[in-house]
Protein backbone atom coordinates (compact mmCIF):
# COMPACT_ATOMS: atom_id res chain seq x y z
CA MET A 1 0.04 0.28 0.03
CA ASN A 2 1.00 3.81 -0.90
CA VAL A 3 3.05 4.91 2.49
CA ALA A 4 1.52 8.37 2.08
CA PHE A 5 -1.85 7.35 1.16
CA ASP A 6 -1.82 4.86 4.86
CA LEU A 7 -0.77 7.67 6.47
CA ALA A 8 -3.01 10.23 4.91
CA GLU A 9 -6.24 8.10 5.84
CA LYS A 10 -4.94 7.31 9.20
CA ILE A 11 -4.65 11.20 9.98
CA LEU A 12 -7.99 11.76 8.95
CA ALA A 13 -9.46 9.23 11.11
CA GLY A 14 -7.64 10.97 14.33
CA GLN A 15 -5.16 8.31 14.74
CA ARG A 16 -2.43 9.89 16.90
CA ARG A 17 0.35 7.31 15.70
CA ALA A 18 0.24 8.31 11.93
CA LEU A 19 -0.09 12.03 12.85
CA ALA A 20 3.21 11.47 14.95
CA LYS A 21 4.83 9.67 11.73
CA ALA A 22 3.86 12.31 9.22
CA ILE A 23 5.31 15.19 11.00
CA THR A 24 8.54 13.25 11.33
CA LEU A 25 9.04 13.25 7.67
CA ILE A 26 7.70 16.48 7.49
CA GLU A 27 10.46 18.14 9.62
CA SER A 28 12.70 15.64 7.87
CA THR A 29 15.38 16.83 5.12
CA LYS A 30 15.77 13.48 3.29
CA HIS A 31 14.32 14.01 -0.46
CA ALA A 32 12.68 10.95 -0.33
CA ASP A 33 10.98 11.50 2.80
CA ARG A 34 9.82 15.44 1.80
CA LEU A 35 8.60 13.36 -1.12
CA ILE A 36 6.13 11.27 0.91
CA ALA A 37 5.33 14.48 3.06
CA GLU A 38 4.29 16.17 0.15
CA GLU A 39 1.88 13.79 -1.30
CA ILE A 40 0.36 13.45 2.24
CA LEU A 41 -0.48 16.89 2.88
CA THR A 42 -1.86 17.21 -0.57
CA ARG A 43 -3.94 14.17 0.03
CA ILE A 44 -5.32 15.68 3.60
CA ILE A 45 -5.18 19.98 2.76
CA PRO A 46 -9.10 19.92 1.67
CA HIS A 47 -9.84 19.01 5.12
CA THR A 48 -7.92 21.67 6.96
CA GLY A 49 -8.96 24.85 8.14
CA ASN A 50 -11.08 24.73 10.75
CA SER A 51 -9.39 24.75 13.59
CA ILE A 52 -8.67 28.52 15.80
CA ARG A 53 -5.07 28.49 15.46
CA LEU A 54 -3.23 30.84 18.31
CA GLY A 55 0.30 31.93 18.61
CA ILE A 56 1.82 32.73 21.82
CA SER A 57 4.91 34.48 22.57
CA GLY A 58 6.90 36.45 25.29
CA VAL A 59 10.30 36.71 26.86
CA PRO A 60 11.72 33.60 28.41
CA GLY A 61 10.28 33.09 31.92
CA VAL A 62 6.86 34.88 31.09
CA GLY A 63 5.34 31.58 32.05
CA LYS A 64 4.05 30.13 28.28
CA SER A 65 4.67 26.87 29.09
CA THR A 66 2.16 27.03 32.11
CA LEU A 67 -0.08 29.38 30.90
CA ILE A 68 -1.03 26.73 27.60
CA GLU A 69 -1.11 23.83 30.00
CA ALA A 70 -4.03 25.61 31.95
CA LEU A 71 -5.88 26.81 28.77
CA GLY A 72 -5.56 23.41 27.74
CA LYS A 73 -7.24 21.56 30.63
CA TYR A 74 -9.72 24.61 30.42
CA LEU A 75 -10.27 23.82 26.67
CA LEU A 76 -10.55 20.00 27.12
CA GLN A 77 -13.28 20.74 29.69
CA TYR A 78 -15.48 21.88 27.13
CA ASN A 79 -14.50 18.74 24.74
CA LYS A 80 -11.99 20.51 22.84
CA ARG A 81 -9.05 18.87 20.79
CA LEU A 82 -6.11 20.67 21.27
CA ALA A 83 -2.65 20.58 19.40
CA VAL A 84 0.40 22.70 20.97
CA LEU A 85 3.49 22.91 18.28
CA THR A 86 6.31 24.04 21.08
CA ILE A 87 8.79 25.39 19.29
CA ASP A 88 12.26 24.72 20.49
CA PRO A 89 15.34 26.21 20.44
CA SER A 90 17.94 24.10 18.54
CA SER A 91 21.40 23.07 19.53
CA PRO A 92 24.04 24.49 17.62
CA VAL A 93 26.11 20.98 17.78
CA THR A 94 23.14 18.47 17.10
CA GLY A 95 20.66 20.50 15.94
CA GLY A 96 18.03 18.76 18.10
CA SER A 97 15.46 20.72 19.96
CA ILE A 98 17.12 21.74 23.43
CA LEU A 99 13.89 21.81 26.03
CA GLY A 100 12.60 18.55 24.56
CA ASP A 101 8.99 18.03 25.41
CA LYS A 102 9.53 14.95 28.53
CA THR A 103 9.95 18.19 31.05
CA ARG A 104 7.26 20.84 29.84
CA MET A 105 3.70 20.24 30.08
CA GLU A 106 3.77 16.78 31.38
CA SER A 107 0.01 17.05 32.50
CA LEU A 108 -1.48 18.26 29.59
CA ALA A 109 0.57 15.83 27.43
CA ARG A 110 -1.23 12.70 29.09
CA GLU A 111 -4.61 13.92 28.18
CA GLU A 112 -5.79 11.41 25.24
CA ASN A 113 -7.59 15.28 23.71
CA ALA A 114 -4.13 16.74 23.81
CA PHE A 115 -1.35 16.14 21.56
CA ILE A 116 2.22 17.94 22.26
CA ARG A 117 5.11 18.46 19.66
CA PRO A 118 8.33 20.08 19.99
CA SER A 119 10.23 21.30 16.75
CA PRO A 120 13.74 22.70 16.75
CA THR A 121 13.73 25.48 15.04
CA ASN A 122 16.98 24.31 12.60
CA GLY A 123 18.84 27.74 12.99
CA ASN A 124 15.48 29.29 11.30
CA LEU A 125 14.91 32.96 11.98
CA GLY A 126 11.92 33.86 13.93
CA GLY A 127 12.13 30.94 16.09
CA VAL A 128 9.30 29.22 14.13
CA GLY A 129 10.57 26.13 12.31
CA ARG A 130 10.34 26.21 8.68
CA ARG A 131 7.80 23.15 8.99
CA THR A 132 6.10 24.54 11.46
CA ARG A 133 2.78 25.64 9.05
CA GLU A 134 2.42 22.04 7.35
CA THR A 135 2.48 20.51 10.92
CA MET A 136 -0.30 22.83 11.64
CA LEU A 137 -2.03 21.44 8.66
CA ALA A 138 -2.21 18.01 9.22
CA CYS A 139 -3.00 18.09 13.01
CA GLU A 140 -6.14 20.00 11.69
CA ALA A 141 -6.73 17.19 9.10
CA ALA A 142 -6.61 15.01 12.60
CA GLY A 143 -9.39 16.60 13.70
CA PHE A 144 -7.66 19.15 16.71
CA ASP A 145 -10.01 22.12 17.49
CA PHE A 146 -7.82 24.20 18.45
CA ILE A 147 -3.99 24.74 17.34
CA ILE A 148 -1.64 26.73 19.68
CA VAL A 149 2.24 27.53 18.12
CA GLU A 150 4.46 28.10 21.31
CA THR A 151 7.17 30.29 19.86
CA VAL A 152 10.78 31.02 22.31
CA GLY A 153 10.29 34.53 22.10
CA VAL A 154 13.50 36.17 20.98
CA GLY A 155 13.98 38.23 17.57
CA GLN A 156 11.62 38.09 15.38
CA SER A 157 10.00 35.28 16.63
CA GLU A 158 6.65 37.51 17.21
CA VAL A 159 6.46 38.57 13.72
CA ALA A 160 6.97 34.89 12.25
CA ALA A 161 4.14 33.59 14.62
CA ALA A 162 2.10 36.01 14.20
CA SER A 163 2.21 34.92 9.80
CA MET A 164 0.39 31.45 10.47
CA VAL A 165 -2.17 31.80 12.87
CA ASP A 166 -5.33 33.85 12.89
CA VAL A 167 -4.88 35.00 16.86
CA PHE A 168 -1.64 36.27 18.32
CA MET A 169 -1.45 36.67 21.84
CA MET A 170 1.96 38.53 23.94
CA LEU A 171 2.51 37.63 27.63
CA GLN A 172 4.60 39.99 29.64
CA LEU A 173 5.62 39.71 33.23
CA PRO A 174 4.44 42.11 35.51
CA ASN A 175 7.05 43.18 36.91
CA ALA A 176 9.97 44.17 34.11
CA GLY A 177 10.55 47.60 35.19
CA ASP A 178 10.29 49.27 31.43
CA GLU A 179 6.50 49.32 31.11
CA LEU A 180 7.00 48.38 27.39
CA GLN A 181 9.52 45.69 28.20
CA GLY A 182 10.83 46.12 24.73
CA ILE A 183 7.80 45.08 22.73
CA LYS A 184 8.07 47.87 19.93
CA LYS A 185 4.89 49.39 18.64
CA GLY A 186 5.41 47.22 15.59
CA ILE A 187 5.06 43.84 17.98
CA LEU A 188 2.00 45.62 19.69
CA GLU A 189 0.35 45.68 16.20
CA LEU A 190 0.50 42.64 16.22
CA ALA A 191 -1.09 41.65 19.04
CA ASP A 192 -4.56 40.50 19.57
CA ILE A 193 -4.63 39.79 23.08
CA LEU A 194 -2.05 40.92 25.84
CA VAL A 195 -1.73 39.23 28.70
CA ILE A 196 -0.16 40.08 31.77
CA THR A 197 1.10 36.70 33.42
CA LYS A 198 2.14 35.52 36.74
CA ALA A 199 -0.55 38.26 38.32
CA ASP A 200 -0.64 36.32 42.46
CA GLY A 201 0.56 36.82 45.23
CA GLN A 202 2.62 40.28 46.04
CA GLN A 203 3.13 40.27 42.27
CA LYS A 204 -1.07 41.05 41.57
CA GLN A 205 -0.38 44.76 41.92
CA MET A 206 2.03 45.16 40.00
CA ALA A 207 0.33 43.17 37.58
CA GLU A 208 -2.79 45.36 37.31
CA HIS A 209 -0.19 48.47 36.73
CA ALA A 210 1.25 47.09 34.12
CA ARG A 211 -2.04 46.02 32.73
CA LEU A 212 -3.51 49.39 33.35
CA GLU A 213 0.07 50.77 31.36
CA GLN A 214 0.07 48.38 28.39
CA GLN A 215 -3.66 49.53 27.70
CA ARG A 216 -3.04 53.05 27.61
CA ALA A 217 0.11 52.08 25.37
CA LEU A 218 -2.51 50.12 22.82
CA HIS A 219 -4.73 52.50 22.39
CA LEU A 220 -2.17 54.17 20.33
CA THR A 221 -2.10 51.44 17.77
CA ARG A 222 -4.22 50.39 15.05
CA HIS A 223 -5.84 47.11 14.66
CA GLU A 224 -8.17 45.22 12.32
CA ASN A 225 -11.68 45.13 12.48
CA ASN A 226 -11.99 48.07 14.91
CA TRP A 227 -10.92 44.92 17.71
CA LYS A 228 -9.50 46.69 20.61
CA PRO A 229 -6.92 44.28 21.75
CA PRO A 230 -7.84 43.43 25.49
CA VAL A 231 -5.07 43.20 28.37
CA LEU A 232 -5.43 40.47 30.33
CA THR A 233 -4.27 39.50 33.81
CA ALA A 234 -3.86 35.75 34.47
CA SER A 235 -2.12 33.12 37.30
CA ALA A 236 -1.98 29.71 35.66
CA LEU A 237 -0.73 29.04 39.29
CA GLU A 238 -3.90 29.75 40.97
CA ASP A 239 -5.81 29.18 37.73
CA LYS A 240 -7.48 32.16 37.78
CA GLY A 241 -7.81 34.66 34.11
CA ILE A 242 -7.95 31.47 32.18
CA ALA A 243 -11.58 31.79 31.16
CA GLN A 244 -11.20 35.49 30.22
CA ILE A 245 -8.24 34.77 27.87
CA PHE A 246 -10.11 31.53 25.94
CA GLU A 247 -13.43 33.90 25.64
CA SER A 248 -10.74 36.72 24.04
CA VAL A 249 -9.20 34.25 21.59
CA ASP A 250 -12.85 33.37 20.99
CA GLU A 251 -14.69 36.36 20.28
CA CYS A 252 -11.57 37.65 18.37
CA HIS A 253 -11.72 34.37 15.92
CA ARG A 254 -15.71 35.26 15.40
CA ILE A 255 -15.25 38.59 14.70
CA LYS A 256 -12.28 38.27 12.17
CA GLN A 257 -14.17 35.35 10.63
CA SER A 258 -17.70 37.01 10.52
CA SER A 259 -15.90 40.12 8.80
CA GLY A 260 -14.48 38.04 6.02
CA GLN A 261 -11.04 39.41 7.73
CA LEU A 262 -10.22 36.02 8.40
CA GLN A 263 -10.26 34.01 4.81
CA LEU A 264 -8.17 37.56 3.63
CA LYS A 265 -5.29 36.79 6.75
CA ARG A 266 -5.41 33.35 5.80
CA GLN A 267 -5.00 33.65 1.81
CA ALA A 268 -2.07 36.51 2.04
CA GLN A 269 -0.22 34.17 4.68
CA ALA A 270 -0.61 31.17 2.00
CA ARG A 271 0.97 33.76 -0.47
CA ALA A 272 3.83 34.44 2.44
CA TRP A 273 4.25 30.79 2.66
CA PHE A 274 4.37 30.36 -0.89
CA GLU A 275 7.59 32.65 -1.32
CA GLN A 276 8.95 31.44 1.27
CA GLU A 277 8.83 27.94 0.12
CA LEU A 278 9.62 29.57 -3.34
CA VAL A 279 13.05 31.23 -1.59
CA GLU A 280 14.10 28.27 0.37
CA GLY A 281 13.60 25.83 -2.43
CA ALA A 282 15.88 27.59 -4.72
CA LYS A 283 18.58 27.52 -1.91
CA ASP A 284 17.95 23.60 -1.67
CA TRP A 285 18.37 23.16 -4.98
CA LEU A 286 21.68 25.53 -5.58
CA VAL A 287 23.09 23.43 -2.56
CA HIS A 288 21.94 20.08 -4.03
CA HIS A 289 23.43 20.62 -7.61
CA LEU A 290 26.46 22.86 -6.86
CA GLY A 291 27.35 21.80 -3.35
CA SER A 292 30.06 19.39 -4.78
CA SER A 293 31.07 21.70 -7.35
CA HIS A 294 33.75 24.64 -6.94
CA GLN A 295 31.51 27.03 -8.32
CA LEU A 296 29.58 27.94 -4.72
CA ALA A 297 32.95 27.13 -2.65
CA ASP A 298 34.89 29.58 -5.22
CA ALA A 299 32.57 32.32 -5.06
CA GLU A 300 31.73 31.88 -0.90
CA SER A 301 35.59 32.24 -0.83
CA ASP A 302 35.55 35.31 -2.51
CA VAL A 303 33.02 36.90 -0.92
CA ILE A 304 35.04 35.84 2.36
CA GLY A 305 38.05 37.32 1.65
CA GLY A 306 36.71 40.64 0.27
CA ARG A 307 37.45 40.44 -2.96
CA ILE A 308 33.64 40.39 -4.46
CA PRO A 309 30.35 41.58 -2.69
CA ALA A 310 27.82 38.66 -1.83
CA SER A 311 25.17 40.28 -4.38
CA ALA A 312 27.76 40.23 -7.62
CA ALA A 313 29.03 36.43 -6.53
CA VAL A 314 25.24 35.37 -6.20
CA ARG A 315 24.40 37.08 -9.46
CA HIS A 316 27.28 35.60 -11.03
CA ILE A 317 26.52 31.89 -10.00
CA PHE A 318 22.61 32.62 -11.72
CA ASP A 319 24.35 33.99 -14.88
CA GLN A 320 26.37 31.06 -15.51
CA LEU A 321 23.26 28.54 -14.54
CA LEU A 322 20.99 30.12 -16.93
CA SER A 323 23.98 30.50 -19.57
CA GLY A 324 24.31 26.67 -19.20
CA ALA A 325 20.33 26.23 -19.63
CA GLU A 326 19.97 28.72 -22.41
CA SER A 327 22.95 26.51 -24.26
CA THR A 328 21.23 22.72 -23.32
CA THR A 329 17.90 24.53 -24.99
CA LYS A 330 19.38 25.45 -28.14
CA LYS A 331 21.48 22.32 -28.38
CA ILE A 332 18.40 20.17 -27.85
CA ARG A 333 15.95 22.51 -30.35
CA ARG A 334 19.04 21.58 -33.05
């Protein structure tokens, strides 16, 4: 039996083991695995798009995993099926995930209707794995109602996460000192919801103060569909504010859906995904076809040695490739 067909059918039937196998193929860099993964995705993609896609980001230590676990348990009470894609930083030595999944969200991971999958960034800029979008589609086809993408919260991770979800939520600590906590106006404009975490004990008053400050800051930003991003406080430790978070996510999603903005947003995301794959695919092709030749090595050496700018080196490579392709075409026509 065709492997891709078999896995696709099992994914559509909601089989977790098949989903895990498919994601492994999706994340693989082997050419044979990628072909199987692409066939699986082609078969299941008509059955995707029915979930709420939520991105969650914030600085390290803000309590993303703890809050996601609390939110996940809340969703499970209402018979929702939840998939969590945790994007962990990659080890520069092994290329694997540094944090792993065994030490995070242990209670949620044991739930039958929850699926947690950590993925290394593999050096991807933005702290989001290149195949996260495809993994998200596989989870949707498997029948998960709610997809959460958790990023490492560094660099461009907020922008990358927001480019593939329906609702984007930023988390902030209550006692950061700087009220904006390094969150630039552009990042604030991406946030549909802002949550001040760890609002418990002695930090409860600080959290409320931070909430008021951030609410004032958000009034200066523009947001789609006249949606006014709420600033909420939450304590995963005391299980407070979790219901309000879900209600805000659900309301934001419904407003975007009813206005037609959600469809436009997803179309724009698909277009950006195609353009990204086009660039990455061209890069992969060049490395595969020219990696063993002197052409790339010589050009790289010239750039490192300061003899030629990188733009000129790349243009020279493409000129040679195009010249060779035209020459081959002329010979075939003769």
